[in-house]
Structures are given as structure tokens and as C-alpha cells.
Amino acid sequence: MDSLQNILGAKDFSPPDEITAVKNYIKRRYGSDCSVRLERDALIVAVPNSALAGTLRLEQQELIENCQLKKRLVIRIGRYTSTTF
């Protein structure tokens, strides 16, 4: 039986490329931080204000193409926490 140390030692804890791509896109284009959370079939993006969320919703297709997203994209308004990627 494997020990917990061996199991966790082999696990890759780095965020997926899609998450990094979305965060970099928003930071570079709008100069704003965001949080991105990966759920089963969706990327949940939380931004700090409604103006940015509205802009992202209008440009959602461009964001999907530029970041080469395969999962559904959900944009939310609200606080972002450090527990997400």
C-alpha cells in the first residue's frame, strides 16, 4: 500500500494551462486581477466589478479563442479568494 507521502509527492499541484491563460489574458488586457476556478465542465472566472464582467461577457468568444478553452466559461462578479488558482 502506498503511503500518503508517496501519493501526494507524485501529484502535480500546478494550475492547468487554461487557468493560467485566462488569468494572464485578463491581467494583460484589462490590468485587473481575477480568480479562476475549475469545476467539472466549466471554468468559473470571478472579477471584482460589474463593468469588467460585462466587458468580458461581450468579448467572451474572443477570450475563448485566444485562450483556446475547451470547457464552458462562466463569468461572475464578486470577491475572489486565495483558495482558487
Protein backbone atom coordinates (compact mmCIF):
# COMPACT_ATOMS: atom_id res chain seq x y z
CA MET A 1 0.00 0.00 0.00
CA ASP A 2 1.34 3.44 -0.91
CA SER A 3 1.88 5.96 1.83
CA LEU A 4 0.22 9.36 1.73
CA GLN A 5 3.62 10.97 1.20
CA ASN A 6 4.24 8.89 -1.94
CA ILE A 7 0.78 9.63 -3.33
CA LEU A 8 1.00 13.38 -2.75
CA GLY A 9 4.63 13.50 -3.86
CA ALA A 10 3.65 12.22 -7.31
CA LYS A 11 0.72 14.64 -7.72
CA ASP A 12 1.14 17.76 -9.83
CA PHE A 13 -0.34 20.76 -7.98
CA SER A 14 0.31 23.36 -10.68
CA PRO A 15 -2.79 25.02 -12.17
CA PRO A 16 -3.93 23.84 -15.62
CA ASP A 17 -2.79 25.84 -18.64
CA GLU A 18 -6.33 27.12 -19.30
CA ILE A 19 -6.47 28.80 -15.89
CA THR A 20 -3.11 30.48 -16.38
CA ALA A 21 -4.09 31.62 -19.88
CA VAL A 22 -7.34 33.23 -18.68
CA LYS A 23 -5.66 34.99 -15.73
CA ASN A 24 -2.85 36.31 -17.95
CA TYR A 25 -5.33 37.47 -20.64
CA ILE A 26 -7.41 39.47 -18.15
CA LYS A 27 -4.34 40.90 -16.39
CA ARG A 28 -2.65 41.91 -19.66
CA ARG A 29 -5.72 43.29 -21.42
CA TYR A 30 -7.58 44.96 -18.54
CA GLY A 31 -4.95 45.31 -15.79
CA SER A 32 -7.19 43.58 -13.27
CA ASP A 33 -6.79 40.56 -11.07
CA CYS A 34 -9.30 37.74 -11.13
CA SER A 35 -9.74 34.27 -9.76
CA VAL A 36 -10.36 31.24 -11.90
CA ARG A 37 -11.78 28.04 -10.52
CA LEU A 38 -12.01 24.78 -12.41
CA GLU A 39 -15.13 22.72 -11.92
CA ARG A 40 -16.25 19.57 -13.72
CA ASP A 41 -17.09 21.03 -17.09
CA ALA A 42 -16.60 24.77 -16.57
CA LEU A 43 -14.09 27.47 -15.78
CA ILE A 44 -15.54 29.91 -13.26
CA VAL A 45 -13.99 33.38 -13.56
CA ALA A 46 -14.67 35.85 -10.73
CA VAL A 47 -13.88 39.51 -11.36
CA PRO A 48 -14.09 42.38 -8.85
CA ASN A 49 -16.67 44.61 -10.57
CA SER A 50 -19.64 44.52 -12.90
CA ALA A 51 -18.05 46.74 -15.54
CA LEU A 52 -15.29 44.23 -16.16
CA ALA A 53 -17.73 41.31 -16.03
CA GLY A 54 -19.93 42.97 -18.65
CA THR A 55 -16.98 43.66 -20.90
CA LEU A 56 -15.77 40.08 -20.59
CA ARG A 57 -19.24 38.78 -21.41
CA LEU A 58 -19.32 40.90 -24.57
CA GLU A 59 -15.88 39.60 -25.58
CA GLN A 60 -16.42 36.05 -24.33
CA GLN A 61 -15.94 34.40 -27.72
CA GLU A 62 -12.66 36.26 -28.28
CA LEU A 63 -11.44 35.19 -24.83
CA ILE A 64 -12.34 31.56 -25.57
CA GLU A 65 -10.49 31.63 -28.89
CA ASN A 66 -7.39 33.44 -27.59
CA CYS A 67 -7.02 31.17 -24.55
CA GLN A 68 -8.03 28.05 -26.52
CA LEU A 69 -10.59 26.99 -23.93
CA LYS A 70 -12.28 23.62 -24.23
CA LYS A 71 -14.52 23.98 -21.18
CA ARG A 72 -17.57 26.19 -20.71
CA LEU A 73 -16.72 29.70 -19.46
CA VAL A 74 -18.75 31.29 -16.66
CA ILE A 75 -18.09 34.89 -15.63
CA ARG A 76 -19.15 36.04 -12.19
CA ILE A 77 -18.99 39.25 -10.22
CA GLY A 78 -17.66 39.09 -6.72
CA ARG A 79 -14.74 38.70 -4.45
CA TYR A 80 -12.05 36.35 -5.41
CA THR A 81 -10.29 34.29 -2.79
CA SER A 82 -6.83 32.92 -2.47
CA THR A 83 -8.19 29.36 -2.28
CA THR A 84 -8.73 29.30 -6.05
CA PHE A 85 -5.95 29.11 -8.60
